[in-house]
C-alpha atoms as a PDB file:
ATOM      1  CA  MET A   1      -2.578  53.051-138.314  1.00  0.00           C
ATOM      2  CA  GLN A   2      -6.318  53.558-138.137  1.00  0.00           C
ATOM      3  CA  THR A   3      -7.611  56.935-137.089  1.00  0.00           C
ATOM      4  CA  GLU A   4     -10.939  57.617-135.511  1.00  0.00           C
ATOM      5  CA  PRO A   5     -13.363  59.824-137.461  1.00  0.00           C
ATOM      6  CA  ARG A   6     -13.238  63.368-136.168  1.00  0.00           C
ATOM      7  CA  TRP A   7     -15.491  66.377-136.169  1.00  0.00           C
ATOM      8  CA  LEU A   8     -13.827  69.737-135.762  1.00  0.00           C
ATOM      9  CA  GLY A   9     -10.767  68.008-134.348  1.00  0.00           C
ATOM     10  CA  LYS A  10     -12.710  65.956-131.757  1.00  0.00           C
ATOM     11  CA  PRO A  11     -13.477  62.203-131.890  1.00  0.00           C
ATOM     12  CA  LEU A  12     -17.006  61.479-133.193  1.00  0.00           C
ATOM     13  CA  SER A  13     -17.476  58.696-130.681  1.00  0.00           C
ATOM     14  CA  GLY A  14     -16.991  61.040-127.764  1.00  0.00           C
ATOM     15  CA  GLY A  15     -19.543  61.237-124.969  1.00  0.00           C
ATOM     16  CA  GLY A  16     -21.973  63.999-124.217  1.00  0.00           C
ATOM     17  CA  GLY A  17     -24.200  65.764-126.668  1.00  0.00           C
ATOM     18  CA  GLY A  18     -21.494  66.482-129.232  1.00  0.00           C
ATOM     19  CA  PRO A  19     -21.095  65.352-132.790  1.00  0.00           C
ATOM     20  CA  GLY A  20     -21.076  61.636-131.841  1.00  0.00           C
ATOM     21  CA  ARG A  21     -24.671  61.897-130.718  1.00  0.00           C
ATOM     22  CA  ALA A  22     -25.568  63.838-133.862  1.00  0.00           C
ATOM     23  CA  VAL A  23     -24.086  61.071-136.015  1.00  0.00           C
ATOM     24  CA  GLU A  24     -26.108  58.451-134.138  1.00  0.00           C
ATOM     25  CA  ARG A  25     -29.310  60.475-134.624  1.00  0.00           C
ATOM     26  CA  ALA A  26     -28.510  60.792-138.330  1.00  0.00           C
ATOM     27  CA  ARG A  27     -28.014  57.018-138.592  1.00  0.00           C
ATOM     28  CA  ARG A  28     -31.368  56.358-136.915  1.00  0.00           C
ATOM     29  CA  ARG A  29     -33.078  58.925-139.132  1.00  0.00           C
ATOM     30  CA  ASN A  30     -31.545  57.337-142.235  1.00  0.00           C
ATOM     31  CA  PHE A  31     -32.617  53.870-141.089  1.00  0.00           C
ATOM     32  CA  SER A  32     -36.166  55.136-140.502  1.00  0.00           C
ATOM     33  CA  LEU A  33     -36.193  56.706-143.954  1.00  0.00           C
ATOM     34  CA  ILE A  34     -35.047  53.431-145.514  1.00  0.00           C
ATOM     35  CA  VAL A  35     -37.843  51.537-143.724  1.00  0.00           C
ATOM     36  CA  VAL A  36     -40.476  54.066-144.877  1.00  0.00           C
ATOM     37  CA  LEU A  37     -39.223  53.908-148.476  1.00  0.00           C
ATOM     38  CA  ALA A  38     -39.247  50.102-148.391  1.00  0.00           C
ATOM     39  CA  VAL A  39     -42.855  50.058-147.165  1.00  0.00           C
ATOM     40  CA  MET A  40     -43.899  52.595-149.805  1.00  0.00           C
ATOM     41  CA  THR A  41     -42.178  50.562-152.510  1.00  0.00           C
ATOM     42  CA  ALA A  42     -43.922  47.396-151.346  1.00  0.00           C
ATOM     43  CA  CYS A  43     -47.275  49.191-151.480  1.00  0.00           C
ATOM     44  CA  GLN A  44     -46.545  50.387-155.018  1.00  0.00           C
ATOM     45  CA  VAL A  45     -45.701  46.847-156.106  1.00  0.00           C
ATOM     46  CA  ASP A  46     -49.136  45.702-154.893  1.00  0.00           C
ATOM     47  CA  ALA A  47     -50.976  48.585-156.590  1.00  0.00           C
ATOM     48  CA  PRO A  48     -52.789  47.611-159.792  1.00  0.00           C
ATOM     49  CA  SER A  49     -50.847  48.631-162.878  1.00  0.00           C
ATOM     50  CA  PHE A  50     -52.384  50.414-165.842  1.00  0.00           C
ATOM     51  CA  GLU A  51     -51.934  49.209-169.401  1.00  0.00           C
ATOM     52  CA  ARG A  52     -52.448  51.405-172.406  1.00  0.00           C
ATOM     53  CA  VAL A  53     -55.263  50.136-174.657  1.00  0.00           C
ATOM     54  CA  ASP A  54     -56.928  51.131-177.899  1.00  0.00           C
ATOM     55  CA  ALA A  55     -60.394  52.579-177.245  1.00  0.00           C
ATOM     56  CA  ALA A  56     -61.681  50.514-180.187  1.00  0.00           C
ATOM     57  CA  ASP A  57     -60.901  47.363-178.156  1.00  0.00           C
ATOM     58  CA  LEU A  58     -63.374  48.384-175.431  1.00  0.00           C
ATOM     59  CA  THR A  59     -67.084  47.580-175.673  1.00  0.00           C
ATOM     60  CA  ILE A  60     -69.307  49.925-173.696  1.00  0.00           C
ATOM     61  CA  ILE A  61     -72.167  48.111-171.965  1.00  0.00           C
ATOM     62  CA  ASP A  62     -73.545  51.100-170.064  1.00  0.00           C
ATOM     63  CA  GLY A  63     -72.304  54.179-168.215  1.00  0.00           C
ATOM     64  CA  ASP A  64     -70.265  52.191-165.687  1.00  0.00           C
ATOM     65  CA  THR A  65     -69.580  48.833-167.362  1.00  0.00           C
ATOM     66  CA  ILE A  66     -67.305  47.853-170.258  1.00  0.00           C
ATOM     67  CA  ARG A  67     -65.918  44.693-171.836  1.00  0.00           C
ATOM     68  CA  HIS A  68     -62.214  44.354-172.496  1.00  0.00           C
ATOM     69  CA  GLY A  69     -60.273  41.292-173.534  1.00  0.00           C
ATOM     70  CA  GLY A  70     -63.376  39.096-173.251  1.00  0.00           C
ATOM     71  CA  ARG A  71     -64.013  40.162-169.642  1.00  0.00           C
ATOM     72  CA  THR A  72     -66.824  42.288-168.258  1.00  0.00           C
ATOM     73  CA  CYS A  73     -65.552  45.108-166.088  1.00  0.00           C
ATOM     74  CA  ARG A  74     -67.537  47.186-163.609  1.00  0.00           C
ATOM     75  CA  LEU A  75     -65.823  50.583-163.418  1.00  0.00           C
ATOM     76  CA  LEU A  76     -64.869  51.566-159.886  1.00  0.00           C
ATOM     77  CA  GLY A  77     -65.739  54.719-157.979  1.00  0.00           C
ATOM     78  CA  TYR A  78     -69.074  55.710-159.487  1.00  0.00           C
ATOM     79  CA  ASP A  79     -72.549  54.367-160.257  1.00  0.00           C
ATOM     80  CA  ALA A  80     -74.343  55.371-163.462  1.00  0.00           C
ATOM     81  CA  PRO A  81     -78.117  55.121-164.010  1.00  0.00           C
ATOM     82  CA  GLU A  82     -79.587  51.816-165.208  1.00  0.00           C
ATOM     83  CA  LEU A  83     -80.522  51.021-168.800  1.00  0.00           C
ATOM     84  CA  PRO A  84     -83.613  48.866-169.496  1.00  0.00           C
ATOM     85  CA  ALA A  85     -82.989  45.223-168.499  1.00  0.00           C
ATOM     86  CA  SER A  86     -85.169  42.162-167.899  1.00  0.00           C
ATOM     87  CA  TRP A  87     -84.107  42.021-164.246  1.00  0.00           C
ATOM     88  CA  PHE A  88     -85.520  45.500-163.530  1.00  0.00           C
ATOM     89  CA  SER A  89     -89.077  46.789-163.522  1.00  0.00           C
ATOM     90  CA  GLY A  90     -88.302  50.013-165.351  1.00  0.00           C
ATOM     91  CA  ASP A  91     -85.203  51.995-166.222  1.00  0.00           C
ATOM     92  CA  GLN A  92     -83.503  55.296-165.501  1.00  0.00           C
ATOM     93  CA  GLU A  93     -83.885  56.868-168.913  1.00  0.00           C
ATOM     94  CA  PRO A  94     -82.989  59.319-170.382  1.00  0.00           C
ATOM     95  CA  TRP A  95     -80.064  59.622-167.955  1.00  0.00           C
ATOM     96  CA  ALA A  96     -78.823  56.048-168.496  1.00  0.00           C
ATOM     97  CA  SER A  97     -78.389  56.606-172.233  1.00  0.00           C
ATOM     98  CA  ALA A  98     -76.810  60.013-171.601  1.00  0.00           C
ATOM     99  CA  ALA A  99     -74.251  58.455-169.213  1.00  0.00           C
ATOM    100  CA  THR A 100     -73.474  55.657-171.672  1.00  0.00           C
ATOM    101  CA  GLU A 101     -72.980  58.162-174.494  1.00  0.00           C
ATOM    102  CA  ALA A 102     -70.813  60.411-172.279  1.00  0.00           C
ATOM    103  CA  LEU A 103     -68.545  57.445-171.492  1.00  0.00           C
ATOM    104  CA  ARG A 104     -68.365  56.476-175.189  1.00  0.00           C
ATOM    105  CA  ARG A 105     -67.486  60.037-176.234  1.00  0.00           C
ATOM    106  CA  GLN A 106     -64.821  60.293-173.571  1.00  0.00           C
ATOM    107  CA  LEU A 107     -63.137  57.062-174.671  1.00  0.00           C
ATOM    108  CA  VAL A 108     -63.301  57.881-178.389  1.00  0.00           C
ATOM    109  CA  ASN A 109     -61.931  61.419-177.950  1.00  0.00           C
ATOM    110  CA  ALA A 110     -59.079  60.526-175.563  1.00  0.00           C
ATOM    111  CA  ARG A 111     -55.466  60.633-176.698  1.00  0.00           C
ATOM    112  CA  VAL A 112     -54.540  57.925-174.163  1.00  0.00           C
ATOM    113  CA  VAL A 113     -56.795  55.228-172.666  1.00  0.00           C
ATOM    114  CA  GLU A 114     -55.513  53.035-169.828  1.00  0.00           C
ATOM    115  CA  VAL A 115     -57.123  50.107-167.980  1.00  0.00           C
ATOM    116  CA  ALA A 116     -56.134  48.495-164.673  1.00  0.00           C
ATOM    117  CA  TRP A 117     -57.921  45.514-163.150  1.00  0.00           C
ATOM    118  CA  ALA A 118     -58.556  45.260-159.410  1.00  0.00           C
ATOM    119  CA  ARG A 119     -57.271  42.138-157.678  1.00  0.00           C
ATOM    120  CA  GLU A 120     -60.774  40.827-156.961  1.00  0.00           C
ATOM    121  CA  GLY A 121     -64.115  40.938-158.757  1.00  0.00           C
ATOM    122  CA  ASP A 122     -67.549  41.730-157.381  1.00  0.00           C
ATOM    123  CA  LYS A 123     -70.230  39.361-156.093  1.00  0.00           C
ATOM    124  CA  TYR A 124     -71.857  39.243-159.551  1.00  0.00           C
ATOM    125  CA  ASP A 125     -68.696  37.689-161.024  1.00  0.00           C
ATOM    126  CA  ARG A 126     -67.704  40.833-162.878  1.00  0.00           C
ATOM    127  CA  GLY A 127     -64.175  42.091-162.905  1.00  0.00           C
ATOM    128  CA  LEU A 128     -63.598  45.460-161.289  1.00  0.00           C
ATOM    129  CA  CYS A 129     -61.360  47.950-163.031  1.00  0.00           C
ATOM    130  CA  GLN A 130     -60.389  51.564-163.355  1.00  0.00           C
ATOM    131  CA  VAL A 131     -60.202  53.264-166.739  1.00  0.00           C
ATOM    132  CA  ARG A 132     -58.344  56.514-167.275  1.00  0.00           C
ATOM    133  CA  THR A 133     -58.540  58.805-170.269  1.00  0.00           C
ATOM    134  CA  ASP A 134     -55.598  61.158-170.622  1.00  0.00           C
ATOM    135  CA  GLY A 135     -54.557  60.295-167.066  1.00  0.00           C
ATOM    136  CA  VAL A 136     -57.915  60.917-165.325  1.00  0.00           C
ATOM    137  CA  ALA A 137     -60.462  58.341-164.109  1.00  0.00           C
ATOM    138  CA  VAL A 138     -63.365  58.276-166.598  1.00  0.00           C
ATOM    139  CA  GLY A 139     -65.949  58.571-163.845  1.00  0.00           C
ATOM    140  CA  ALA A 140     -64.824  62.109-162.995  1.00  0.00           C
ATOM    141  CA  ALA A 141     -66.443  63.566-166.126  1.00  0.00           C
ATOM    142  CA  LEU A 142     -69.732  61.737-165.504  1.00  0.00           C
ATOM    143  CA  LEU A 143     -69.789  62.915-161.890  1.00  0.00           C
ATOM    144  CA  ARG A 144     -69.153  66.532-162.921  1.00  0.00           C
ATOM    145  CA  GLN A 145     -71.970  66.336-165.478  1.00  0.00           C
ATOM    146  CA  GLY A 146     -74.426  64.950-162.908  1.00  0.00           C
ATOM    147  CA  LEU A 147     -74.649  61.616-164.771  1.00  0.00           C
ATOM    148  CA  ALA A 148     -73.483  59.404-161.883  1.00  0.00           C
ATOM    149  CA  PHE A 149     -73.217  59.069-158.111  1.00  0.00           C
ATOM    150  CA  GLU A 150     -69.853  58.414-156.444  1.00  0.00           C
ATOM    151  CA  THR A 151     -69.408  55.036-154.719  1.00  0.00           C
ATOM    152  CA  VAL A 152     -66.051  55.556-153.011  1.00  0.00           C
ATOM    153  CA  THR A 153     -67.692  56.421-149.681  1.00  0.00           C
ATOM    154  CA  ARG A 154     -69.790  53.229-149.841  1.00  0.00           C
ATOM    155  CA  TYR A 155     -67.264  50.688-151.170  1.00  0.00           C
ATOM    156  CA  GLY A 156     -63.806  52.242-150.717  1.00  0.00           C
ATOM    157  CA  HIS A 157     -61.128  52.896-153.323  1.00  0.00           C
ATOM    158  CA  GLY A 158     -60.544  49.284-154.419  1.00  0.00           C
ATOM    159  CA  GLY A 159     -56.796  49.788-154.672  1.00  0.00           C
ATOM    160  CA  PHE A 160     -57.058  53.027-156.652  1.00  0.00           C
ATOM    161  CA  ALA A 161     -56.609  55.702-153.973  1.00  0.00           C
ATOM    162  CA  LYS A 162     -55.451  58.450-156.362  1.00  0.00           C
ATOM    163  CA  ASP A 163     -58.431  57.920-158.656  1.00  0.00           C
ATOM    164  CA  ALA A 164     -60.797  57.799-155.671  1.00  0.00           C
ATOM    165  CA  ARG A 165     -59.636  61.253-154.539  1.00  0.00           C
ATOM    166  CA  ILE A 166     -60.253  62.640-158.035  1.00  0.00           C
ATOM    167  CA  LEU A 167     -63.712  61.042-158.170  1.00  0.00           C
ATOM    168  CA  LEU A 168     -64.702  62.400-154.755  1.00  0.00           C
ATOM    169  CA  GLU A 169     -63.569  65.880-155.771  1.00  0.00           C
ATOM    170  CA  ALA A 170     -65.526  65.637-159.044  1.00  0.00           C
ATOM    171  CA  ALA A 171     -68.646  64.577-157.132  1.00  0.00           C
ATOM    172  CA  ARG A 172     -68.320  67.556-154.767  1.00  0.00           C
ATOM    173  CA  GLU A 173     -67.802  70.005-157.629  1.00  0.00           C
ATOM    174  CA  GLY A 174     -70.260  68.443-160.086  1.00  0.00           C
ATOM    175  CA  ARG A 175     -73.921  68.939-160.815  1.00  0.00           C
ATOM    176  CA  THR A 176     -76.425  67.172-158.595  1.00  0.00           C
ATOM    177  CA  PRO A 177     -77.914  64.220-160.512  1.00  0.00           C
ATOM    178  CA  GLU A 178     -81.605  64.547-161.424  1.00  0.00           C
ATOM    179  CA  PHE A 179     -82.296  60.839-160.911  1.00  0.00           C
ATOM    180  CA  VAL A 180     -82.479  58.489-157.927  1.00  0.00           C
ATOM    181  CA  ASP A 181     -79.157  57.036-156.761  1.00  0.00           C
ATOM    182  CA  PRO A 182     -78.842  53.795-158.808  1.00  0.00           C
ATOM    183  CA  HIS A 183     -78.033  51.837-155.629  1.00  0.00           C
ATOM    184  CA  THR A 184     -81.419  52.804-154.160  1.00  0.00           C
ATOM    185  CA  TRP A 185     -83.196  52.510-157.521  1.00  0.00           C
ATOM    186  CA  ARG A 186     -81.998  48.905-158.044  1.00  0.00           C
ATOM    187  CA  ARG A 187     -83.363  47.895-154.655  1.00  0.00           C
ATOM    188  CA  MET A 188     -86.744  49.424-155.509  1.00  0.00           C
ATOM    189  CA  HIS A 189     -86.969  48.039-159.079  1.00  0.00           C
ATOM    190  CA  SER A 190     -85.233  44.670-159.004  1.00  0.00           C
ATOM    191  CA  VAL A 191     -87.470  41.837-160.280  1.00  0.00           C
ATOM    192  CA  GLU A 192     -85.801  39.502-157.781  1.00  0.00           C
ATOM    193  CA  PRO A 193     -84.617  40.743-154.382  1.00  0.00           C
ATOM    194  CA  ARG A 194     -80.929  41.572-154.479  1.00  0.00           C
ATOM    195  CA  GLU A 195     -78.249  42.742-152.144  1.00  0.00           C
ATOM    196  CA  ASP A 196     -76.397  45.682-153.585  1.00  0.00           C
END
């Protein structure tokens, strides 16, 4: 003989606002929670994953660009001053060299270095990536030192929302750079017109 579930001696399926209604609300709440968790899990699956790398395997091009595994990577979330290059009329020295050296020091001195590639590259055919040293996006230190401008507000987080929040906070707390925003500077000093 099958018995109906009971709550304090009364059937759970009973009418009114009793325990039966509470059970139904709990079921709906649980279903909603399952849906939310499934969506969050799906979002995590799509998030770029970080791989631990040896700092010696990274080649530093400038304050916001590296090479790893034969690929050029533009670091996301910040813009460092420009080194001398044939496609510019001028440079942003001494700040460009200071930013490059600050990035090098940070990578060499880190206990853990991690790299994650964004799903898509930029319009200059460079890969886009995020690099963390000891769990923190490398750009945060440059922003705090006044050696870069943040780019999250211009371009978005690129799939790295946690790092973007850290970079924005570092930019708010950091020193004001003593050089022109590289985005503006490139437009003023590009040998050929460019969209940036």
